[in-house]
N, C-alpha and C. Protein backbone atom coordinates (compact mmCIF):
# COMPACT_ATOMS: atom_id res chain seq x y z
N MET A 1 39.54 49.69 -4.45
CA MET A 1 40.42 48.61 -4.85
C MET A 1 40.42 48.52 -6.38
N THR A 2 41.57 48.59 -6.98
CA THR A 2 41.64 48.53 -8.42
C THR A 2 41.59 47.10 -8.90
N ASP A 3 41.09 46.91 -10.15
CA ASP A 3 40.99 45.57 -10.71
C ASP A 3 42.36 45.07 -11.16
N THR A 4 43.19 45.97 -11.66
CA THR A 4 44.50 45.60 -12.16
C THR A 4 45.56 45.88 -11.11
N PHE A 5 46.29 44.85 -10.75
CA PHE A 5 47.33 45.01 -9.74
C PHE A 5 48.54 45.72 -10.33
N ARG A 6 49.09 46.64 -9.57
CA ARG A 6 50.34 47.29 -9.94
C ARG A 6 51.24 47.34 -8.71
N LEU A 7 52.39 46.75 -8.83
CA LEU A 7 53.31 46.67 -7.70
C LEU A 7 53.68 48.05 -7.18
N GLN A 8 53.76 49.04 -8.07
CA GLN A 8 54.12 50.40 -7.67
C GLN A 8 53.12 50.94 -6.64
N GLU A 9 51.86 50.55 -6.75
CA GLU A 9 50.85 51.05 -5.83
C GLU A 9 51.04 50.48 -4.42
N VAL A 10 51.53 49.24 -4.35
CA VAL A 10 51.86 48.65 -3.05
C VAL A 10 53.00 49.45 -2.41
N LEU A 11 54.02 49.73 -3.21
CA LEU A 11 55.14 50.52 -2.72
C LEU A 11 54.67 51.88 -2.21
N ASP A 12 53.82 52.55 -2.97
CA ASP A 12 53.34 53.87 -2.58
C ASP A 12 52.54 53.81 -1.27
N ALA A 13 51.69 52.79 -1.15
CA ALA A 13 50.84 52.68 0.05
C ALA A 13 51.69 52.44 1.29
N PHE A 14 52.60 51.50 1.23
CA PHE A 14 53.40 51.19 2.42
C PHE A 14 54.44 52.28 2.71
N ARG A 15 54.82 53.03 1.69
CA ARG A 15 55.69 54.17 1.92
C ARG A 15 54.95 55.25 2.71
N SER A 16 53.63 55.32 2.51
CA SER A 16 52.81 56.32 3.21
C SER A 16 52.36 55.84 4.59
N CYS A 17 52.62 54.58 4.91
CA CYS A 17 52.10 53.97 6.13
C CYS A 17 52.65 54.59 7.41
N LEU A 18 53.91 54.98 7.38
CA LEU A 18 54.57 55.36 8.63
C LEU A 18 54.62 56.87 8.81
N SER A 19 54.26 57.29 10.02
CA SER A 19 54.39 58.70 10.38
C SER A 19 55.85 58.99 10.72
N GLU A 20 56.15 60.25 10.97
CA GLU A 20 57.52 60.62 11.33
C GLU A 20 57.96 59.95 12.62
N THR A 21 57.00 59.62 13.48
CA THR A 21 57.32 58.96 14.75
C THR A 21 57.12 57.44 14.68
N LYS A 22 57.03 56.92 13.44
CA LYS A 22 56.93 55.48 13.19
C LYS A 22 55.61 54.88 13.70
N GLU A 23 54.56 55.69 13.70
CA GLU A 23 53.24 55.12 13.92
C GLU A 23 52.70 54.66 12.57
N VAL A 24 51.86 53.64 12.59
CA VAL A 24 51.36 53.05 11.34
C VAL A 24 49.94 53.54 11.07
N TYR A 25 49.76 54.25 9.96
CA TYR A 25 48.45 54.75 9.59
C TYR A 25 47.57 53.61 9.08
N VAL A 26 46.44 53.42 9.71
CA VAL A 26 45.52 52.34 9.32
C VAL A 26 45.03 52.55 7.89
N LYS A 27 44.76 53.79 7.51
CA LYS A 27 44.25 54.08 6.16
C LYS A 27 45.17 53.53 5.08
N TYR A 28 46.46 53.78 5.22
CA TYR A 28 47.40 53.34 4.18
C TYR A 28 47.75 51.85 4.32
N TYR A 29 47.67 51.34 5.53
CA TYR A 29 47.84 49.90 5.74
C TYR A 29 46.75 49.15 4.97
N ILE A 30 45.53 49.63 5.09
CA ILE A 30 44.40 49.03 4.38
C ILE A 30 44.59 49.18 2.86
N ALA A 31 45.04 50.36 2.43
CA ALA A 31 45.25 50.59 1.00
C ALA A 31 46.28 49.61 0.43
N GLY A 32 47.35 49.39 1.19
CA GLY A 32 48.37 48.44 0.76
C GLY A 32 47.79 47.04 0.64
N TRP A 33 46.94 46.68 1.60
CA TRP A 33 46.34 45.36 1.57
C TRP A 33 45.36 45.23 0.40
N GLN A 34 44.63 46.28 0.09
CA GLN A 34 43.70 46.23 -1.04
C GLN A 34 44.46 45.94 -2.33
N ASP A 35 45.63 46.54 -2.48
CA ASP A 35 46.45 46.27 -3.65
C ASP A 35 46.95 44.83 -3.64
N LEU A 36 47.32 44.31 -2.48
CA LEU A 36 47.80 42.94 -2.39
C LEU A 36 46.67 41.94 -2.68
N VAL A 37 45.45 42.29 -2.32
CA VAL A 37 44.30 41.44 -2.66
C VAL A 37 44.14 41.39 -4.18
N SER A 38 44.32 42.52 -4.84
CA SER A 38 44.26 42.54 -6.31
C SER A 38 45.33 41.63 -6.91
N PHE A 39 46.50 41.61 -6.27
CA PHE A 39 47.57 40.72 -6.70
C PHE A 39 47.14 39.26 -6.59
N MET A 40 46.58 38.89 -5.45
CA MET A 40 46.14 37.51 -5.26
C MET A 40 45.02 37.15 -6.22
N ASN A 41 44.08 38.05 -6.40
CA ASN A 41 42.94 37.77 -7.28
C ASN A 41 43.36 37.63 -8.74
N SER A 42 44.42 38.34 -9.11
CA SER A 42 44.87 38.29 -10.51
C SER A 42 45.48 36.94 -10.86
N LEU A 43 45.77 36.13 -9.86
CA LEU A 43 46.37 34.82 -10.08
C LEU A 43 45.34 33.70 -10.10
N GLY A 44 44.07 34.06 -10.00
CA GLY A 44 43.03 33.04 -10.04
C GLY A 44 42.48 32.71 -8.67
N ASN A 45 41.95 31.52 -8.53
CA ASN A 45 41.26 31.13 -7.29
C ASN A 45 42.16 30.52 -6.23
N MET A 46 43.44 30.32 -6.54
CA MET A 46 44.32 29.62 -5.60
C MET A 46 44.42 30.32 -4.25
N PHE A 47 44.33 31.64 -4.26
CA PHE A 47 44.49 32.40 -3.03
C PHE A 47 43.16 32.84 -2.43
N SER A 48 42.05 32.36 -2.99
CA SER A 48 40.74 32.85 -2.55
C SER A 48 40.47 32.56 -1.08
N PHE A 49 41.03 31.46 -0.57
CA PHE A 49 40.81 31.11 0.84
C PHE A 49 41.41 32.15 1.77
N ILE A 50 42.44 32.85 1.30
CA ILE A 50 43.06 33.91 2.10
C ILE A 50 42.50 35.27 1.73
N SER A 51 42.38 35.54 0.43
CA SER A 51 41.94 36.87 0.00
C SER A 51 40.52 37.19 0.45
N SER A 52 39.63 36.20 0.46
CA SER A 52 38.25 36.45 0.89
C SER A 52 38.20 36.83 2.36
N ASP A 53 39.04 36.19 3.17
CA ASP A 53 39.10 36.52 4.59
C ASP A 53 39.71 37.90 4.79
N VAL A 54 40.73 38.21 4.01
CA VAL A 54 41.37 39.52 4.10
C VAL A 54 40.38 40.62 3.74
N VAL A 55 39.58 40.41 2.71
CA VAL A 55 38.60 41.42 2.29
C VAL A 55 37.60 41.70 3.41
N SER A 56 37.15 40.65 4.10
CA SER A 56 36.21 40.85 5.20
C SER A 56 36.86 41.62 6.35
N LYS A 57 38.13 41.36 6.59
CA LYS A 57 38.85 42.07 7.66
C LYS A 57 39.07 43.54 7.27
N ILE A 58 39.37 43.78 6.01
CA ILE A 58 39.54 45.16 5.54
C ILE A 58 38.25 45.94 5.75
N LYS A 59 37.11 45.32 5.45
CA LYS A 59 35.83 45.99 5.60
C LYS A 59 35.58 46.37 7.07
N ILE A 60 35.91 45.48 7.97
CA ILE A 60 35.74 45.77 9.40
C ILE A 60 36.58 46.99 9.79
N MET A 61 37.84 47.01 9.33
CA MET A 61 38.72 48.13 9.68
C MET A 61 38.22 49.43 9.05
N GLU A 62 37.70 49.35 7.84
CA GLU A 62 37.15 50.56 7.20
C GLU A 62 35.95 51.09 8.00
N ASN A 63 35.15 50.18 8.52
CA ASN A 63 34.00 50.60 9.33
C ASN A 63 34.45 51.28 10.61
N PHE A 64 35.51 50.79 11.23
CA PHE A 64 36.06 51.45 12.41
C PHE A 64 36.53 52.86 12.07
N LEU A 65 37.24 52.97 10.96
CA LEU A 65 37.79 54.27 10.55
C LEU A 65 36.70 55.29 10.27
N SER A 66 35.60 54.85 9.68
CA SER A 66 34.53 55.78 9.30
C SER A 66 33.47 55.92 10.38
N GLY A 67 33.61 55.17 11.47
CA GLY A 67 32.62 55.20 12.54
C GLY A 67 32.77 56.39 13.47
N GLU A 68 31.91 56.44 14.46
CA GLU A 68 31.89 57.60 15.37
C GLU A 68 33.15 57.68 16.22
N ASN A 69 33.86 56.55 16.38
CA ASN A 69 35.11 56.56 17.14
C ASN A 69 36.33 56.49 16.23
N GLY A 70 36.13 56.88 14.97
CA GLY A 70 37.18 56.76 13.96
C GLY A 70 38.48 57.45 14.31
N SER A 71 38.40 58.52 15.09
CA SER A 71 39.63 59.24 15.44
C SER A 71 40.58 58.39 16.27
N HIS A 72 40.05 57.36 16.93
CA HIS A 72 40.89 56.47 17.73
C HIS A 72 41.54 55.38 16.87
N TYR A 73 41.15 55.31 15.61
CA TYR A 73 41.64 54.25 14.73
C TYR A 73 42.52 54.80 13.60
N VAL A 74 43.03 56.01 13.79
CA VAL A 74 43.87 56.62 12.76
C VAL A 74 45.17 55.84 12.59
N THR A 75 45.77 55.44 13.70
CA THR A 75 46.99 54.62 13.65
C THR A 75 46.76 53.32 14.42
N ILE A 76 47.58 52.35 14.13
CA ILE A 76 47.49 51.09 14.87
C ILE A 76 47.78 51.33 16.35
N GLN A 77 48.72 52.22 16.63
CA GLN A 77 49.07 52.51 18.02
C GLN A 77 47.89 53.12 18.77
N SER A 78 47.22 54.09 18.14
CA SER A 78 46.08 54.73 18.82
C SER A 78 44.94 53.74 19.00
N MET A 79 44.76 52.84 18.04
CA MET A 79 43.72 51.82 18.14
C MET A 79 43.98 50.89 19.32
N VAL A 80 45.21 50.41 19.43
CA VAL A 80 45.56 49.50 20.52
C VAL A 80 45.34 50.17 21.87
N ASN A 81 45.80 51.41 22.00
CA ASN A 81 45.63 52.14 23.26
C ASN A 81 44.15 52.32 23.60
N TYR A 82 43.37 52.73 22.61
CA TYR A 82 41.94 52.99 22.83
C TYR A 82 41.20 51.72 23.22
N GLU A 83 41.42 50.65 22.49
CA GLU A 83 40.67 49.43 22.76
C GLU A 83 41.07 48.79 24.09
N LEU A 84 42.34 48.83 24.41
CA LEU A 84 42.77 48.25 25.69
C LEU A 84 42.27 49.08 26.87
N GLU A 85 42.36 50.39 26.75
CA GLU A 85 41.92 51.26 27.84
C GLU A 85 40.42 51.16 28.09
N ASN A 86 39.67 50.80 27.07
CA ASN A 86 38.21 50.74 27.19
C ASN A 86 37.67 49.31 27.20
N ASP A 87 38.56 48.35 27.44
CA ASP A 87 38.17 46.93 27.54
C ASP A 87 37.37 46.47 26.33
N LEU A 88 37.86 46.81 25.15
CA LEU A 88 37.18 46.46 23.91
C LEU A 88 37.85 45.27 23.20
N VAL A 89 38.75 44.60 23.89
CA VAL A 89 39.47 43.47 23.31
C VAL A 89 39.22 42.22 24.15
N ASP A 90 38.83 41.12 23.50
CA ASP A 90 38.68 39.84 24.20
C ASP A 90 40.06 39.19 24.26
N LEU A 91 40.66 39.22 25.43
CA LEU A 91 42.03 38.75 25.57
C LEU A 91 42.15 37.24 25.72
N THR A 92 41.12 36.58 26.22
CA THR A 92 41.22 35.14 26.48
C THR A 92 40.22 34.31 25.69
N ASN A 93 39.09 34.89 25.30
CA ASN A 93 38.13 34.16 24.47
C ASN A 93 37.31 35.14 23.66
N ARG A 94 36.72 34.65 22.57
CA ARG A 94 35.94 35.53 21.70
C ARG A 94 34.54 35.70 22.28
N GLY A 95 34.41 36.66 23.18
CA GLY A 95 33.14 36.87 23.86
C GLY A 95 32.39 38.09 23.37
N ASN A 96 32.64 39.21 24.03
CA ASN A 96 31.87 40.43 23.75
C ASN A 96 32.35 41.21 22.53
N HIS A 97 33.62 41.01 22.14
CA HIS A 97 34.20 41.83 21.07
C HIS A 97 34.93 40.95 20.06
N PRO A 98 34.19 40.04 19.39
CA PRO A 98 34.84 39.10 18.47
C PRO A 98 35.47 39.76 17.25
N GLU A 99 35.04 41.00 16.95
CA GLU A 99 35.59 41.70 15.79
C GLU A 99 36.23 43.02 16.22
N SER A 100 36.95 42.98 17.31
CA SER A 100 37.67 44.18 17.75
C SER A 100 38.71 44.55 16.70
N GLY A 101 39.10 45.81 16.70
CA GLY A 101 40.14 46.25 15.78
C GLY A 101 41.44 45.51 15.99
N CYS A 102 41.80 45.27 17.24
CA CYS A 102 43.06 44.59 17.55
C CYS A 102 43.06 43.17 16.99
N ARG A 103 41.97 42.44 17.19
CA ARG A 103 41.91 41.07 16.69
C ARG A 103 41.86 41.05 15.16
N THR A 104 41.07 41.93 14.58
CA THR A 104 40.93 41.97 13.13
C THR A 104 42.26 42.27 12.46
N LEU A 105 42.96 43.27 12.98
CA LEU A 105 44.22 43.64 12.37
C LEU A 105 45.29 42.57 12.58
N LEU A 106 45.20 41.83 13.67
CA LEU A 106 46.15 40.74 13.91
C LEU A 106 46.07 39.71 12.79
N ARG A 107 44.87 39.42 12.31
CA ARG A 107 44.71 38.46 11.21
C ARG A 107 45.33 39.00 9.93
N LEU A 108 45.19 40.28 9.68
CA LEU A 108 45.84 40.89 8.52
C LEU A 108 47.36 40.87 8.70
N HIS A 109 47.79 41.14 9.89
CA HIS A 109 49.22 41.17 10.22
C HIS A 109 49.87 39.81 9.94
N ARG A 110 49.22 38.74 10.34
CA ARG A 110 49.76 37.40 10.12
C ARG A 110 49.84 37.09 8.63
N ALA A 111 48.79 37.44 7.90
CA ALA A 111 48.77 37.19 6.46
C ALA A 111 49.82 38.03 5.73
N LEU A 112 50.05 39.24 6.23
CA LEU A 112 51.06 40.10 5.63
C LEU A 112 52.44 39.47 5.73
N HIS A 113 52.71 38.81 6.84
CA HIS A 113 54.01 38.16 7.02
C HIS A 113 54.21 37.06 5.99
N TRP A 114 53.15 36.30 5.74
CA TRP A 114 53.22 35.24 4.73
C TRP A 114 53.54 35.83 3.35
N LEU A 115 52.82 36.89 2.95
CA LEU A 115 53.07 37.49 1.65
C LEU A 115 54.46 38.11 1.56
N GLU A 116 54.89 38.72 2.65
CA GLU A 116 56.24 39.30 2.67
C GLU A 116 57.29 38.22 2.42
N LEU A 117 57.17 37.10 3.13
CA LEU A 117 58.12 36.00 2.97
C LEU A 117 58.08 35.42 1.56
N PHE A 118 56.88 35.27 1.04
CA PHE A 118 56.74 34.71 -0.31
C PHE A 118 57.33 35.64 -1.37
N LEU A 119 56.99 36.92 -1.29
CA LEU A 119 57.47 37.88 -2.28
C LEU A 119 58.99 38.03 -2.21
N ASP A 120 59.55 37.89 -1.03
CA ASP A 120 61.00 37.96 -0.91
C ASP A 120 61.65 36.74 -1.57
N ARG A 121 61.03 35.58 -1.41
CA ARG A 121 61.54 34.39 -2.10
C ARG A 121 61.43 34.56 -3.61
N LEU A 122 60.32 35.16 -4.04
CA LEU A 122 60.13 35.41 -5.47
C LEU A 122 61.20 36.37 -5.99
N ARG A 123 61.49 37.37 -5.21
CA ARG A 123 62.50 38.37 -5.60
C ARG A 123 63.87 37.73 -5.81
N THR A 124 64.23 36.80 -4.96
CA THR A 124 65.57 36.20 -5.01
C THR A 124 65.60 34.88 -5.77
N SER A 125 64.48 34.52 -6.39
CA SER A 125 64.40 33.23 -7.08
C SER A 125 65.16 33.24 -8.40
N THR A 126 65.38 32.04 -8.92
CA THR A 126 66.00 31.88 -10.23
C THR A 126 64.97 31.29 -11.18
N GLU A 127 65.34 31.18 -12.44
CA GLU A 127 64.39 30.76 -13.46
C GLU A 127 63.78 29.39 -13.17
N GLY A 128 64.54 28.51 -12.54
CA GLY A 128 64.04 27.17 -12.28
C GLY A 128 63.29 27.02 -10.96
N SER A 129 63.16 28.10 -10.21
CA SER A 129 62.50 28.02 -8.89
C SER A 129 61.01 27.75 -9.05
N LYS A 130 60.48 26.94 -8.16
CA LYS A 130 59.06 26.59 -8.21
C LYS A 130 58.27 27.49 -7.25
N THR A 131 57.26 28.17 -7.77
CA THR A 131 56.46 29.06 -6.93
C THR A 131 55.70 28.27 -5.85
N SER A 132 55.32 27.04 -6.17
CA SER A 132 54.59 26.23 -5.18
C SER A 132 55.45 25.97 -3.96
N VAL A 133 56.73 25.73 -4.18
CA VAL A 133 57.66 25.47 -3.07
C VAL A 133 57.87 26.75 -2.28
N MET A 134 58.09 27.86 -2.98
CA MET A 134 58.33 29.15 -2.31
C MET A 134 57.14 29.54 -1.45
N CYS A 135 55.94 29.37 -2.02
CA CYS A 135 54.73 29.77 -1.32
C CYS A 135 54.49 28.86 -0.10
N SER A 136 54.72 27.58 -0.27
CA SER A 136 54.53 26.63 0.83
C SER A 136 55.49 26.91 1.97
N GLU A 137 56.74 27.18 1.63
CA GLU A 137 57.73 27.48 2.66
C GLU A 137 57.35 28.73 3.43
N ALA A 138 56.92 29.76 2.71
CA ALA A 138 56.51 31.01 3.37
C ALA A 138 55.29 30.77 4.26
N TYR A 139 54.36 29.98 3.77
CA TYR A 139 53.15 29.66 4.54
C TYR A 139 53.50 28.88 5.81
N ASN A 140 54.37 27.90 5.67
CA ASN A 140 54.74 27.06 6.82
C ASN A 140 55.49 27.85 7.89
N GLU A 141 56.13 28.93 7.49
CA GLU A 141 56.85 29.78 8.44
C GLU A 141 55.96 30.84 9.08
N SER A 142 54.74 30.96 8.60
CA SER A 142 53.89 32.07 9.08
C SER A 142 52.47 31.62 9.39
N LEU A 143 51.58 31.68 8.41
CA LEU A 143 50.16 31.43 8.64
C LEU A 143 49.84 30.02 9.12
N ALA A 144 50.64 29.05 8.71
CA ALA A 144 50.35 27.66 9.07
C ALA A 144 50.27 27.46 10.57
N HIS A 145 51.02 28.26 11.32
CA HIS A 145 51.02 28.13 12.79
C HIS A 145 49.67 28.50 13.40
N HIS A 146 48.84 29.19 12.63
CA HIS A 146 47.56 29.69 13.15
C HIS A 146 46.36 29.02 12.49
N HIS A 147 46.59 28.03 11.65
CA HIS A 147 45.52 27.33 10.95
C HIS A 147 45.40 25.89 11.43
N PRO A 148 44.19 25.36 11.53
CA PRO A 148 44.01 23.94 11.86
C PRO A 148 44.49 23.07 10.71
N TRP A 149 44.65 21.77 10.98
CA TRP A 149 45.26 20.87 10.00
C TRP A 149 44.49 20.81 8.70
N TYR A 150 43.14 20.86 8.76
CA TYR A 150 42.38 20.72 7.52
C TYR A 150 42.57 21.92 6.61
N ILE A 151 42.74 23.11 7.18
CA ILE A 151 43.03 24.29 6.38
C ILE A 151 44.42 24.16 5.75
N ARG A 152 45.37 23.70 6.55
CA ARG A 152 46.73 23.52 6.02
C ARG A 152 46.75 22.54 4.86
N THR A 153 45.90 21.50 4.96
CA THR A 153 45.83 20.51 3.89
C THR A 153 45.27 21.12 2.60
N VAL A 154 44.19 21.87 2.74
CA VAL A 154 43.58 22.52 1.57
C VAL A 154 44.56 23.50 0.94
N VAL A 155 45.25 24.25 1.77
CA VAL A 155 46.22 25.23 1.29
C VAL A 155 47.34 24.54 0.52
N GLY A 156 47.82 23.44 1.07
CA GLY A 156 48.90 22.71 0.42
C GLY A 156 48.52 22.25 -0.98
N VAL A 157 47.30 21.79 -1.14
CA VAL A 157 46.81 21.37 -2.46
C VAL A 157 46.69 22.57 -3.40
N ALA A 158 46.19 23.68 -2.87
CA ALA A 158 46.01 24.88 -3.69
C ALA A 158 47.34 25.39 -4.22
N PHE A 159 48.36 25.37 -3.39
CA PHE A 159 49.68 25.86 -3.82
C PHE A 159 50.26 25.06 -4.97
N CYS A 160 49.89 23.79 -5.06
CA CYS A 160 50.39 22.94 -6.15
C CYS A 160 49.94 23.44 -7.52
N ALA A 161 48.85 24.20 -7.53
CA ALA A 161 48.28 24.69 -8.80
C ALA A 161 48.76 26.09 -9.15
N LEU A 162 49.70 26.63 -8.40
CA LEU A 162 50.17 27.99 -8.67
C LEU A 162 50.85 28.08 -10.03
N PRO A 163 50.66 29.20 -10.72
CA PRO A 163 51.36 29.39 -12.01
C PRO A 163 52.86 29.57 -11.80
N GLY A 164 53.58 29.58 -12.88
CA GLY A 164 55.04 29.68 -12.80
C GLY A 164 55.52 31.07 -12.43
N ARG A 165 56.80 31.15 -12.21
CA ARG A 165 57.45 32.39 -11.79
C ARG A 165 57.20 33.53 -12.78
N ASP A 166 57.24 33.23 -14.08
CA ASP A 166 57.05 34.28 -15.08
C ASP A 166 55.68 34.93 -14.96
N THR A 167 54.67 34.12 -14.67
CA THR A 167 53.30 34.65 -14.53
C THR A 167 53.22 35.63 -13.36
N PHE A 168 53.86 35.28 -12.24
CA PHE A 168 53.86 36.18 -11.08
C PHE A 168 54.51 37.51 -11.43
N PHE A 169 55.63 37.47 -12.15
CA PHE A 169 56.29 38.71 -12.53
C PHE A 169 55.42 39.53 -13.48
N ASP A 170 54.74 38.85 -14.39
CA ASP A 170 53.92 39.56 -15.39
C ASP A 170 52.75 40.30 -14.74
N VAL A 171 52.08 39.66 -13.76
CA VAL A 171 50.88 40.28 -13.18
C VAL A 171 51.22 41.49 -12.31
N MET A 172 52.51 41.70 -12.04
CA MET A 172 52.88 42.85 -11.21
C MET A 172 52.89 44.15 -11.99
N ASN A 173 52.82 44.05 -13.33
CA ASN A 173 52.74 45.26 -14.17
C ASN A 173 53.79 46.30 -13.79
N ALA A 174 55.03 45.83 -13.71
CA ALA A 174 56.11 46.73 -13.31
C ALA A 174 57.28 46.68 -14.29
N GLY A 175 57.00 46.25 -15.51
CA GLY A 175 58.06 46.18 -16.50
C GLY A 175 58.63 44.78 -16.63
N ASP A 176 59.88 44.69 -17.09
CA ASP A 176 60.49 43.38 -17.27
C ASP A 176 60.90 42.81 -15.91
N HIS A 177 61.44 41.59 -15.92
CA HIS A 177 61.75 40.92 -14.66
C HIS A 177 62.76 41.68 -13.81
N THR A 178 63.72 42.30 -14.45
CA THR A 178 64.71 43.08 -13.71
C THR A 178 64.06 44.25 -12.98
N GLN A 179 63.12 44.90 -13.64
CA GLN A 179 62.41 46.03 -13.01
C GLN A 179 61.52 45.55 -11.87
N VAL A 180 60.89 44.38 -12.05
CA VAL A 180 60.05 43.83 -10.99
C VAL A 180 60.89 43.53 -9.76
N VAL A 181 62.02 42.88 -9.97
CA VAL A 181 62.91 42.54 -8.86
C VAL A 181 63.38 43.80 -8.14
N HIS A 182 63.69 44.84 -8.91
CA HIS A 182 64.12 46.11 -8.31
C HIS A 182 63.02 46.72 -7.47
N LEU A 183 61.79 46.71 -8.00
CA LEU A 183 60.67 47.32 -7.27
C LEU A 183 60.32 46.50 -6.03
N LEU A 184 60.43 45.18 -6.12
CA LEU A 184 60.24 44.35 -4.93
C LEU A 184 61.30 44.68 -3.89
N GLY A 185 62.50 44.95 -4.35
CA GLY A 185 63.58 45.32 -3.44
C GLY A 185 63.32 46.62 -2.72
N GLU A 186 62.55 47.51 -3.34
CA GLU A 186 62.16 48.76 -2.68
C GLU A 186 60.97 48.55 -1.76
N SER A 187 60.03 47.72 -2.18
CA SER A 187 58.77 47.54 -1.45
C SER A 187 58.92 46.71 -0.19
N LEU A 188 59.66 45.62 -0.28
CA LEU A 188 59.70 44.66 0.83
C LEU A 188 60.29 45.22 2.12
N PRO A 189 61.34 46.05 2.07
CA PRO A 189 61.81 46.64 3.34
C PRO A 189 60.75 47.50 4.02
N LEU A 190 59.92 48.18 3.24
CA LEU A 190 58.85 48.99 3.82
C LEU A 190 57.79 48.10 4.45
N ILE A 191 57.39 47.05 3.74
CA ILE A 191 56.42 46.10 4.29
C ILE A 191 56.98 45.48 5.55
N SER A 192 58.26 45.11 5.51
CA SER A 192 58.91 44.48 6.66
C SER A 192 58.95 45.41 7.87
N GLU A 193 59.21 46.69 7.63
CA GLU A 193 59.27 47.65 8.73
C GLU A 193 57.89 47.83 9.36
N VAL A 194 56.86 47.95 8.53
CA VAL A 194 55.50 48.07 9.04
C VAL A 194 55.12 46.82 9.83
N TYR A 195 55.48 45.67 9.28
CA TYR A 195 55.19 44.41 9.98
C TYR A 195 55.89 44.36 11.33
N GLN A 196 57.17 44.72 11.38
CA GLN A 196 57.92 44.61 12.63
C GLN A 196 57.46 45.59 13.68
N ILE A 197 57.11 46.79 13.28
CA ILE A 197 56.57 47.78 14.23
C ILE A 197 55.28 47.25 14.84
N THR A 198 54.42 46.68 13.99
CA THR A 198 53.16 46.11 14.49
C THR A 198 53.42 44.91 15.39
N GLU A 199 54.34 44.06 14.98
CA GLU A 199 54.69 42.88 15.77
C GLU A 199 55.18 43.29 17.17
N ASP A 200 56.05 44.28 17.22
CA ASP A 200 56.60 44.74 18.51
C ASP A 200 55.51 45.36 19.39
N LEU A 201 54.62 46.12 18.77
CA LEU A 201 53.52 46.74 19.51
C LEU A 201 52.61 45.67 20.10
N TYR A 202 52.26 44.68 19.31
CA TYR A 202 51.39 43.61 19.78
C TYR A 202 52.07 42.77 20.85
N ALA A 203 53.36 42.52 20.67
CA ALA A 203 54.10 41.74 21.66
C ALA A 203 54.17 42.49 22.99
N LYS A 204 54.41 43.78 22.93
CA LYS A 204 54.49 44.61 24.14
C LYS A 204 53.19 44.58 24.92
N ASN A 205 52.08 44.47 24.22
CA ASN A 205 50.76 44.50 24.86
C ASN A 205 50.13 43.11 24.99
N ASN A 206 50.94 42.07 24.75
CA ASN A 206 50.47 40.68 24.87
C ASN A 206 49.24 40.39 24.02
N LEU A 207 49.31 40.83 22.75
CA LEU A 207 48.16 40.70 21.87
C LEU A 207 48.42 39.74 20.70
N LEU A 208 49.55 39.09 20.67
CA LEU A 208 49.91 38.28 19.50
C LEU A 208 49.13 36.97 19.41
N GLU A 209 48.49 36.56 20.49
CA GLU A 209 47.75 35.29 20.46
C GLU A 209 46.27 35.51 20.78
N LEU A 210 45.73 36.62 20.33
CA LEU A 210 44.30 36.87 20.57
C LEU A 210 43.46 35.77 19.95
N PRO A 211 42.45 35.27 20.69
CA PRO A 211 41.62 34.18 20.14
C PRO A 211 40.74 34.64 18.97
């Protein structure tokens, strides 16, 4: 994980995510998330409640990839098939497999949707747009559905302290605002496609509400 966030690296990672048959490579999915964590961290502590959880989930997935059964975790599709066929997923309660690959990646998947929605709002925003409003709207459409009220309250307060739109564009290290908007326009469709393929796979296997 690099210390300095560069939007181009997110684009490169998610461009590498999909195989020719539209399977999602876990290695590049994790790489994309590592870059997005750098993005959140570069903005200060406002996103720490999400980024710290994401980092722990990334570590779990890295351990699966490097473990003795790593060949089953090359793609999200192969992971889902392997874990379901071998009863490695707690479908109704967090019992024997609280950190299964399917459950861990679902948490990353949900957070990815929030960032996708927020970055798209940022891409289409105008000079007077408030990042706190954009971020809150994206959160309420995604992660808020999976958080208890006290987390939602803390998050709402944190968003009020977000820096302005110019700061977000600057930390992307992608040139001037026009170049940032262009690069977001390239990156977001790729993130969206990876998200939707994962969403459809999880929906097909009734995994979207894992405890």
